[in-house]
């Protein structure tokens, strides 16, 4: 015989899986590569959606912001390769950031 507690636990499990699933399916990603003298970054989300309008900053290790812009309508951005050491920060909101250090960029020899 099933009790009210048993049904409550099942209902709670079902509800929590519905609430947490969208968070898992919407994590940001960003890939950057060197193309000549320019760095091209492509952003998006794990559910396949684009990241147009998402904030992207290029920052020195001294925390100076070299570039502050947003991804275009194709979820891309292109900018001249900065001198020195830097990292790229894609910020899609609290808990949804991606950091890329310059040696991790495809085509850059560290």
C-alpha atoms as a PDB file:
ATOM      1  CA  UNK A   1       0.000   0.000   0.000  1.00  0.00           C
ATOM      2  CA  UNK A   2       1.383   3.343  -0.997  1.00  0.00           C
ATOM      3  CA  UNK A   3       1.320   6.202   1.417  1.00  0.00           C
ATOM      4  CA  UNK A   4       0.851   9.924   0.929  1.00  0.00           C
ATOM      5  CA  UNK A   5       4.539  10.323   1.788  1.00  0.00           C
ATOM      6  CA  UNK A   6       5.480   7.986  -1.068  1.00  0.00           C
ATOM      7  CA  UNK A   7       3.423   9.979  -3.591  1.00  0.00           C
ATOM      8  CA  UNK A   8       4.809  13.249  -2.226  1.00  0.00           C
ATOM      9  CA  UNK A   9       8.393  12.004  -2.745  1.00  0.00           C
ATOM     10  CA  UNK A  10       7.652  10.946  -6.323  1.00  0.00           C
ATOM     11  CA  UNK A  11       5.982  14.283  -7.084  1.00  0.00           C
ATOM     12  CA  UNK A  12       8.919  16.158  -5.566  1.00  0.00           C
ATOM     13  CA  UNK A  13      11.429  14.179  -7.653  1.00  0.00           C
ATOM     14  CA  UNK A  14       9.467  14.812 -10.847  1.00  0.00           C
ATOM     15  CA  UNK A  15       9.182  18.535 -10.107  1.00  0.00           C
ATOM     16  CA  UNK A  16      12.878  18.923  -9.262  1.00  0.00           C
ATOM     17  CA  UNK A  17      13.921  17.182 -12.481  1.00  0.00           C
ATOM     18  CA  UNK A  18      11.779  19.597 -14.506  1.00  0.00           C
ATOM     19  CA  UNK A  19      13.219  22.614 -12.719  1.00  0.00           C
ATOM     20  CA  UNK A  20      16.899  21.628 -13.016  1.00  0.00           C
ATOM     21  CA  UNK A  21      16.875  20.262 -16.561  1.00  0.00           C
ATOM     22  CA  UNK A  22      16.806  23.652 -18.330  1.00  0.00           C
ATOM     23  CA  UNK A  23      19.824  24.805 -16.305  1.00  0.00           C
ATOM     24  CA  UNK A  24      21.826  21.797 -17.470  1.00  0.00           C
ATOM     25  CA  UNK A  25      20.817  22.299 -21.083  1.00  0.00           C
ATOM     26  CA  UNK A  26      21.801  25.948 -21.256  1.00  0.00           C
ATOM     27  CA  UNK A  27      25.473  26.249 -20.356  1.00  0.00           C
ATOM     28  CA  UNK A  28      27.516  28.702 -22.450  1.00  0.00           C
ATOM     29  CA  UNK A  29      30.486  27.812 -24.616  1.00  0.00           C
ATOM     30  CA  UNK A  30      32.960  29.869 -26.591  1.00  0.00           C
ATOM     31  CA  UNK A  31      35.662  28.880 -29.064  1.00  0.00           C
ATOM     32  CA  UNK A  32      38.303  31.280 -30.301  1.00  0.00           C
ATOM     33  CA  UNK A  33      40.893  30.938 -33.047  1.00  0.00           C
ATOM     34  CA  UNK A  34      43.598  33.049 -34.597  1.00  0.00           C
ATOM     35  CA  UNK A  35      42.943  34.061 -38.219  1.00  0.00           C
ATOM     36  CA  UNK A  36      45.892  36.065 -39.488  1.00  0.00           C
ATOM     37  CA  UNK A  37      46.233  39.063 -37.174  1.00  0.00           C
ATOM     38  CA  UNK A  38      42.708  38.698 -35.810  1.00  0.00           C
ATOM     39  CA  UNK A  39      41.036  36.557 -33.173  1.00  0.00           C
ATOM     40  CA  UNK A  40      37.591  35.227 -34.042  1.00  0.00           C
ATOM     41  CA  UNK A  41      35.345  33.901 -31.284  1.00  0.00           C
ATOM     42  CA  UNK A  42      32.109  31.964 -31.696  1.00  0.00           C
ATOM     43  CA  UNK A  43      29.737  31.638 -28.745  1.00  0.00           C
ATOM     44  CA  UNK A  44      26.612  29.687 -28.050  1.00  0.00           C
ATOM     45  CA  UNK A  45      24.798  27.514 -25.572  1.00  0.00           C
ATOM     46  CA  UNK A  46      24.795  23.770 -25.041  1.00  0.00           C
ATOM     47  CA  UNK A  47      21.167  23.521 -26.123  1.00  0.00           C
ATOM     48  CA  UNK A  48      22.167  24.751 -29.595  1.00  0.00           C
ATOM     49  CA  UNK A  49      20.884  28.288 -29.219  1.00  0.00           C
ATOM     50  CA  UNK A  50      22.958  31.268 -30.266  1.00  0.00           C
ATOM     51  CA  UNK A  51      24.547  33.807 -27.965  1.00  0.00           C
ATOM     52  CA  UNK A  52      23.975  36.998 -29.952  1.00  0.00           C
ATOM     53  CA  UNK A  53      24.259  40.070 -27.772  1.00  0.00           C
ATOM     54  CA  UNK A  54      26.231  38.239 -25.065  1.00  0.00           C
ATOM     55  CA  UNK A  55      28.962  40.343 -23.426  1.00  0.00           C
ATOM     56  CA  UNK A  56      32.575  39.485 -24.321  1.00  0.00           C
ATOM     57  CA  UNK A  57      35.552  41.221 -22.746  1.00  0.00           C
ATOM     58  CA  UNK A  58      39.255  40.937 -23.493  1.00  0.00           C
ATOM     59  CA  UNK A  59      41.221  41.580 -20.311  1.00  0.00           C
ATOM     60  CA  UNK A  60      44.924  41.762 -19.428  1.00  0.00           C
ATOM     61  CA  UNK A  61      46.242  39.838 -16.433  1.00  0.00           C
ATOM     62  CA  UNK A  62      46.522  43.238 -14.715  1.00  0.00           C
ATOM     63  CA  UNK A  63      42.697  43.457 -15.080  1.00  0.00           C
ATOM     64  CA  UNK A  64      42.761  46.218 -17.723  1.00  0.00           C
ATOM     65  CA  UNK A  65      39.859  45.796 -20.152  1.00  0.00           C
ATOM     66  CA  UNK A  66      41.243  45.940 -23.710  1.00  0.00           C
ATOM     67  CA  UNK A  67      37.913  45.310 -25.447  1.00  0.00           C
ATOM     68  CA  UNK A  68      34.345  45.273 -24.190  1.00  0.00           C
ATOM     69  CA  UNK A  69      31.788  44.312 -26.797  1.00  0.00           C
ATOM     70  CA  UNK A  70      28.978  41.874 -27.574  1.00  0.00           C
ATOM     71  CA  UNK A  71      28.646  38.943 -29.942  1.00  0.00           C
ATOM     72  CA  UNK A  72      26.991  39.873 -33.242  1.00  0.00           C
ATOM     73  CA  UNK A  73      23.807  38.440 -34.770  1.00  0.00           C
ATOM     74  CA  UNK A  74      25.798  35.303 -35.740  1.00  0.00           C
ATOM     75  CA  UNK A  75      27.121  34.892 -32.160  1.00  0.00           C
ATOM     76  CA  UNK A  76      30.605  35.883 -33.347  1.00  0.00           C
ATOM     77  CA  UNK A  77      33.145  38.589 -32.727  1.00  0.00           C
ATOM     78  CA  UNK A  78      36.374  39.481 -34.537  1.00  0.00           C
ATOM     79  CA  UNK A  79      39.092  41.717 -33.103  1.00  0.00           C
ATOM     80  CA  UNK A  80      42.824  42.392 -33.598  1.00  0.00           C
ATOM     81  CA  UNK A  81      45.104  40.139 -31.558  1.00  0.00           C
ATOM     82  CA  UNK A  82      46.222  42.101 -28.481  1.00  0.00           C
ATOM     83  CA  UNK A  83      49.878  42.411 -27.522  1.00  0.00           C
ATOM     84  CA  UNK A  84      50.975  40.621 -24.367  1.00  0.00           C
ATOM     85  CA  UNK A  85      49.083  38.225 -22.132  1.00  0.00           C
ATOM     86  CA  UNK A  86      45.297  38.365 -21.906  1.00  0.00           C
ATOM     87  CA  UNK A  87      42.178  36.332 -21.386  1.00  0.00           C
ATOM     88  CA  UNK A  88      38.710  36.394 -22.887  1.00  0.00           C
ATOM     89  CA  UNK A  89      35.610  36.471 -20.698  1.00  0.00           C
ATOM     90  CA  UNK A  90      32.214  35.587 -22.149  1.00  0.00           C
ATOM     91  CA  UNK A  91      29.572  36.675 -19.632  1.00  0.00           C
ATOM     92  CA  UNK A  92      26.049  35.380 -20.190  1.00  0.00           C
ATOM     93  CA  UNK A  93      24.943  36.209 -16.643  1.00  0.00           C
ATOM     94  CA  UNK A  94      25.472  34.910 -13.118  1.00  0.00           C
ATOM     95  CA  UNK A  95      26.909  31.400 -13.188  1.00  0.00           C
ATOM     96  CA  UNK A  96      27.139  31.467 -16.989  1.00  0.00           C
ATOM     97  CA  UNK A  97      30.658  32.638 -17.792  1.00  0.00           C
ATOM     98  CA  UNK A  98      33.427  31.199 -19.937  1.00  0.00           C
ATOM     99  CA  UNK A  99      37.070  32.205 -19.544  1.00  0.00           C
ATOM    100  CA  UNK A 100      39.679  31.519 -22.222  1.00  0.00           C
ATOM    101  CA  UNK A 101      43.366  32.228 -21.555  1.00  0.00           C
ATOM    102  CA  UNK A 102      45.320  33.366 -24.619  1.00  0.00           C
ATOM    103  CA  UNK A 103      47.424  30.133 -24.894  1.00  0.00           C
ATOM    104  CA  UNK A 104      44.155  28.146 -25.253  1.00  0.00           C
ATOM    105  CA  UNK A 105      43.201  29.983 -28.458  1.00  0.00           C
ATOM    106  CA  UNK A 106      43.539  27.780 -31.564  1.00  0.00           C
ATOM    107  CA  UNK A 107      46.477  28.849 -33.699  1.00  0.00           C
ATOM    108  CA  UNK A 108      48.373  30.776 -31.009  1.00  0.00           C
ATOM    109  CA  UNK A 109      51.752  29.356 -30.057  1.00  0.00           C
ATOM    110  CA  UNK A 110      52.445  29.949 -26.395  1.00  0.00           C
END
